[in-house]
Amino acid sequence: MTRPRLCRRVKFRPRTTFFKPRGVPLRSLDIVELSKEEVEAMRLKNISGLDQTECAKAMRTSQSTFQRILSSAYNKISQAIIKGKAISIQK
């Protein structure tokens, strides 16, 4: 039996929830989905400029979990940019 997932604090709700390469029809694109937690982790780390410890406290999670969330987000965004995929942000 797996451990239940903890509630993480997410204070940001983006207005735009979909990005795609210009000039490419959506029907021909693969879509990468970012979770709310991944977007919040990137916002705290890159936009707010907090260090990893502060980010983890703000999201009410451990530093290692925060790092896994952030790494997952970077991986997904890198895949989308390099391979020309669309990005969808979970509502």
N, C-alpha and C. Protein backbone atom coordinates (compact mmCIF):
# COMPACT_ATOMS: atom_id res chain seq x y z
N MET A 1 0.84 -1.17 0.00
CA MET A 1 0.00 0.00 0.00
C MET A 1 0.89 1.24 0.00
N THR A 2 0.58 2.17 -0.86
CA THR A 2 1.39 3.38 -0.96
C THR A 2 0.96 4.41 0.06
N ARG A 3 1.86 5.27 0.37
CA ARG A 3 1.60 6.34 1.32
C ARG A 3 0.69 7.38 0.68
N PRO A 4 -0.30 7.92 1.40
CA PRO A 4 -1.19 8.92 0.81
C PRO A 4 -0.42 10.21 0.50
N ARG A 5 -0.82 10.86 -0.55
CA ARG A 5 -0.17 12.09 -0.98
C ARG A 5 -0.57 13.25 -0.08
N LEU A 6 0.39 14.04 0.34
CA LEU A 6 0.11 15.20 1.19
C LEU A 6 -0.39 16.37 0.37
N CYS A 7 -1.16 17.23 1.00
CA CYS A 7 -1.60 18.45 0.34
C CYS A 7 -0.44 19.43 0.32
N ARG A 8 -0.15 19.96 -0.84
CA ARG A 8 0.90 20.96 -0.97
C ARG A 8 0.25 22.31 -1.20
N ARG A 9 0.87 23.32 -0.66
CA ARG A 9 0.32 24.66 -0.80
C ARG A 9 0.67 25.23 -2.17
N VAL A 10 -0.35 25.63 -2.91
CA VAL A 10 -0.18 26.27 -4.21
C VAL A 10 -0.95 27.58 -4.17
N LYS A 11 -0.23 28.69 -4.28
CA LYS A 11 -0.86 30.01 -4.17
C LYS A 11 -1.04 30.71 -5.51
N PHE A 12 -0.64 30.06 -6.59
CA PHE A 12 -0.64 30.72 -7.89
C PHE A 12 -1.57 30.00 -8.85
N ARG A 13 -2.39 30.75 -9.53
CA ARG A 13 -3.27 30.20 -10.56
C ARG A 13 -3.01 31.00 -11.85
N PRO A 14 -2.36 30.37 -12.83
CA PRO A 14 -2.03 31.09 -14.06
C PRO A 14 -3.26 31.43 -14.89
N ARG A 15 -3.23 32.57 -15.53
CA ARG A 15 -4.34 32.96 -16.41
C ARG A 15 -4.29 32.16 -17.72
N THR A 16 -3.08 31.97 -18.22
CA THR A 16 -2.89 31.23 -19.45
C THR A 16 -2.49 29.81 -19.08
N THR A 17 -3.19 28.84 -19.64
CA THR A 17 -2.93 27.45 -19.27
C THR A 17 -2.50 26.58 -20.45
N PHE A 18 -2.20 27.20 -21.58
CA PHE A 18 -1.80 26.42 -22.73
C PHE A 18 -0.83 27.20 -23.59
N PHE A 19 0.25 26.55 -24.00
CA PHE A 19 1.25 27.16 -24.88
C PHE A 19 1.56 26.16 -25.98
N LYS A 20 1.75 26.67 -27.19
CA LYS A 20 2.11 25.78 -28.29
C LYS A 20 3.02 26.53 -29.25
N PRO A 21 3.80 25.77 -30.03
CA PRO A 21 4.66 26.41 -31.02
C PRO A 21 3.82 27.15 -32.06
N ARG A 22 4.28 28.32 -32.46
CA ARG A 22 3.56 29.12 -33.44
C ARG A 22 3.64 28.49 -34.82
N GLY A 23 2.54 28.50 -35.52
CA GLY A 23 2.50 28.03 -36.89
C GLY A 23 2.33 26.53 -37.05
N VAL A 24 2.14 25.83 -35.95
CA VAL A 24 1.95 24.37 -36.02
C VAL A 24 0.53 24.07 -35.54
N PRO A 25 -0.26 23.35 -36.34
CA PRO A 25 -1.62 23.01 -35.91
C PRO A 25 -1.61 22.13 -34.66
N LEU A 26 -2.52 22.41 -33.77
CA LEU A 26 -2.59 21.69 -32.49
C LEU A 26 -2.79 20.19 -32.70
N ARG A 27 -3.55 19.82 -33.70
CA ARG A 27 -3.85 18.40 -33.91
C ARG A 27 -2.60 17.58 -34.23
N SER A 28 -1.53 18.26 -34.68
CA SER A 28 -0.31 17.52 -35.02
C SER A 28 0.74 17.57 -33.91
N LEU A 29 0.39 18.14 -32.76
CA LEU A 29 1.33 18.28 -31.65
C LEU A 29 1.07 17.28 -30.54
N ASP A 30 2.15 16.81 -29.92
CA ASP A 30 2.04 16.09 -28.66
C ASP A 30 1.92 17.13 -27.55
N ILE A 31 1.26 16.77 -26.46
CA ILE A 31 1.05 17.72 -25.36
C ILE A 31 1.75 17.23 -24.11
N VAL A 32 2.49 18.14 -23.46
CA VAL A 32 3.15 17.86 -22.19
C VAL A 32 2.31 18.56 -21.12
N GLU A 33 1.93 17.83 -20.07
CA GLU A 33 1.11 18.41 -19.01
C GLU A 33 1.94 18.74 -17.78
N LEU A 34 1.86 19.99 -17.34
CA LEU A 34 2.50 20.43 -16.10
C LEU A 34 1.45 20.44 -14.99
N SER A 35 1.80 19.92 -13.84
CA SER A 35 0.87 19.94 -12.71
C SER A 35 0.92 21.31 -12.03
N LYS A 36 -0.06 21.56 -11.17
CA LYS A 36 -0.09 22.81 -10.40
C LYS A 36 1.15 22.94 -9.54
N GLU A 37 1.57 21.81 -8.95
CA GLU A 37 2.74 21.82 -8.07
C GLU A 37 4.01 22.18 -8.84
N GLU A 38 4.13 21.68 -10.06
CA GLU A 38 5.31 21.98 -10.87
C GLU A 38 5.37 23.45 -11.24
N VAL A 39 4.24 24.02 -11.59
CA VAL A 39 4.20 25.45 -11.93
C VAL A 39 4.52 26.30 -10.70
N GLU A 40 3.96 25.93 -9.55
CA GLU A 40 4.23 26.66 -8.31
C GLU A 40 5.71 26.57 -7.93
N ALA A 41 6.30 25.40 -8.08
CA ALA A 41 7.72 25.23 -7.76
C ALA A 41 8.59 26.13 -8.65
N MET A 42 8.28 26.19 -9.94
CA MET A 42 9.04 27.05 -10.84
C MET A 42 8.84 28.52 -10.50
N ARG A 43 7.61 28.89 -10.15
CA ARG A 43 7.34 30.28 -9.79
C ARG A 43 8.13 30.69 -8.56
N LEU A 44 8.11 29.86 -7.53
CA LEU A 44 8.82 30.19 -6.29
C LEU A 44 10.32 30.27 -6.53
N LYS A 45 10.88 29.31 -7.25
CA LYS A 45 12.32 29.25 -7.45
C LYS A 45 12.81 30.30 -8.44
N ASN A 46 12.16 30.44 -9.58
CA ASN A 46 12.67 31.29 -10.66
C ASN A 46 12.14 32.72 -10.64
N ILE A 47 10.90 32.91 -10.29
CA ILE A 47 10.31 34.25 -10.31
C ILE A 47 10.49 34.94 -8.97
N SER A 48 10.15 34.25 -7.89
CA SER A 48 10.29 34.84 -6.56
C SER A 48 11.73 34.86 -6.07
N GLY A 49 12.57 34.01 -6.64
CA GLY A 49 13.99 34.00 -6.30
C GLY A 49 14.31 33.41 -4.93
N LEU A 50 13.43 32.54 -4.42
CA LEU A 50 13.68 31.92 -3.13
C LEU A 50 14.66 30.78 -3.28
N ASP A 51 15.37 30.45 -2.19
CA ASP A 51 16.24 29.27 -2.26
C ASP A 51 15.39 28.02 -2.01
N GLN A 52 16.00 26.87 -2.18
CA GLN A 52 15.25 25.61 -2.13
C GLN A 52 14.57 25.38 -0.78
N THR A 53 15.24 25.75 0.30
CA THR A 53 14.67 25.56 1.64
C THR A 53 13.41 26.41 1.81
N GLU A 54 13.49 27.67 1.39
CA GLU A 54 12.33 28.57 1.50
C GLU A 54 11.19 28.10 0.62
N CYS A 55 11.52 27.63 -0.58
CA CYS A 55 10.49 27.13 -1.50
C CYS A 55 9.77 25.93 -0.90
N ALA A 56 10.55 25.01 -0.33
CA ALA A 56 9.95 23.81 0.27
C ALA A 56 9.04 24.18 1.42
N LYS A 57 9.45 25.14 2.25
CA LYS A 57 8.60 25.59 3.36
C LYS A 57 7.33 26.22 2.84
N ALA A 58 7.45 27.04 1.80
CA ALA A 58 6.28 27.71 1.23
C ALA A 58 5.27 26.71 0.68
N MET A 59 5.76 25.61 0.13
CA MET A 59 4.87 24.59 -0.42
C MET A 59 4.49 23.52 0.59
N ARG A 60 5.03 23.63 1.80
CA ARG A 60 4.78 22.65 2.87
C ARG A 60 5.18 21.23 2.45
N THR A 61 6.40 21.11 1.97
CA THR A 61 6.92 19.82 1.56
C THR A 61 8.40 19.74 1.93
N SER A 62 8.99 18.58 1.80
CA SER A 62 10.41 18.44 2.11
C SER A 62 11.25 19.00 0.96
N GLN A 63 12.52 19.27 1.26
CA GLN A 63 13.42 19.79 0.23
C GLN A 63 13.60 18.78 -0.90
N SER A 64 13.72 17.51 -0.55
CA SER A 64 13.93 16.50 -1.59
C SER A 64 12.70 16.37 -2.49
N THR A 65 11.51 16.45 -1.91
CA THR A 65 10.29 16.39 -2.72
C THR A 65 10.19 17.62 -3.60
N PHE A 66 10.52 18.79 -3.05
CA PHE A 66 10.51 20.01 -3.85
C PHE A 66 11.46 19.88 -5.03
N GLN A 67 12.64 19.35 -4.79
CA GLN A 67 13.63 19.18 -5.87
C GLN A 67 13.12 18.22 -6.94
N ARG A 68 12.44 17.15 -6.54
CA ARG A 68 11.87 16.22 -7.52
C ARG A 68 10.78 16.89 -8.35
N ILE A 69 9.94 17.70 -7.72
CA ILE A 69 8.89 18.43 -8.44
C ILE A 69 9.51 19.39 -9.44
N LEU A 70 10.51 20.14 -9.00
CA LEU A 70 11.18 21.12 -9.86
C LEU A 70 11.89 20.43 -11.03
N SER A 71 12.58 19.34 -10.76
CA SER A 71 13.28 18.60 -11.82
C SER A 71 12.30 18.05 -12.85
N SER A 72 11.16 17.58 -12.39
CA SER A 72 10.14 17.08 -13.30
C SER A 72 9.62 18.20 -14.20
N ALA A 73 9.40 19.38 -13.63
CA ALA A 73 8.93 20.52 -14.41
C ALA A 73 9.96 20.93 -15.46
N TYR A 74 11.23 21.02 -15.06
CA TYR A 74 12.29 21.39 -16.01
C TYR A 74 12.39 20.37 -17.14
N ASN A 75 12.26 19.10 -16.80
CA ASN A 75 12.34 18.05 -17.80
C ASN A 75 11.20 18.19 -18.81
N LYS A 76 10.00 18.40 -18.32
CA LYS A 76 8.84 18.52 -19.21
C LYS A 76 8.95 19.75 -20.11
N ILE A 77 9.38 20.87 -19.56
CA ILE A 77 9.50 22.08 -20.36
C ILE A 77 10.62 21.95 -21.40
N SER A 78 11.71 21.33 -20.99
CA SER A 78 12.81 21.10 -21.94
C SER A 78 12.35 20.21 -23.09
N GLN A 79 11.62 19.16 -22.78
CA GLN A 79 11.08 18.26 -23.82
C GLN A 79 10.20 19.05 -24.79
N ALA A 80 9.34 19.90 -24.24
CA ALA A 80 8.42 20.67 -25.08
C ALA A 80 9.18 21.63 -26.00
N ILE A 81 10.18 22.29 -25.48
CA ILE A 81 10.93 23.26 -26.29
C ILE A 81 11.78 22.54 -27.34
N ILE A 82 12.52 21.54 -26.93
CA ILE A 82 13.43 20.85 -27.85
C ILE A 82 12.69 20.05 -28.90
N LYS A 83 11.62 19.37 -28.50
CA LYS A 83 10.89 18.50 -29.43
C LYS A 83 9.66 19.16 -30.05
N GLY A 84 9.41 20.44 -29.75
CA GLY A 84 8.30 21.15 -30.36
C GLY A 84 6.93 20.66 -29.92
N LYS A 85 6.77 20.43 -28.64
CA LYS A 85 5.48 19.97 -28.10
C LYS A 85 4.72 21.14 -27.47
N ALA A 86 3.42 20.97 -27.32
CA ALA A 86 2.59 21.96 -26.64
C ALA A 86 2.68 21.72 -25.13
N ILE A 87 2.46 22.78 -24.35
CA ILE A 87 2.48 22.68 -22.89
C ILE A 87 1.11 23.04 -22.36
N SER A 88 0.54 22.13 -21.56
CA SER A 88 -0.74 22.35 -20.92
C SER A 88 -0.54 22.41 -19.41
N ILE A 89 -1.11 23.43 -18.77
CA ILE A 89 -0.99 23.57 -17.31
C ILE A 89 -2.31 23.12 -16.70
N GLN A 90 -2.20 22.19 -15.75
CA GLN A 90 -3.37 21.63 -15.07
C GLN A 90 -4.15 22.75 -14.38
N LYS A 91 -5.47 22.69 -14.45
CA LYS A 91 -6.30 23.72 -13.82
C LYS A 91 -6.60 23.36 -12.41
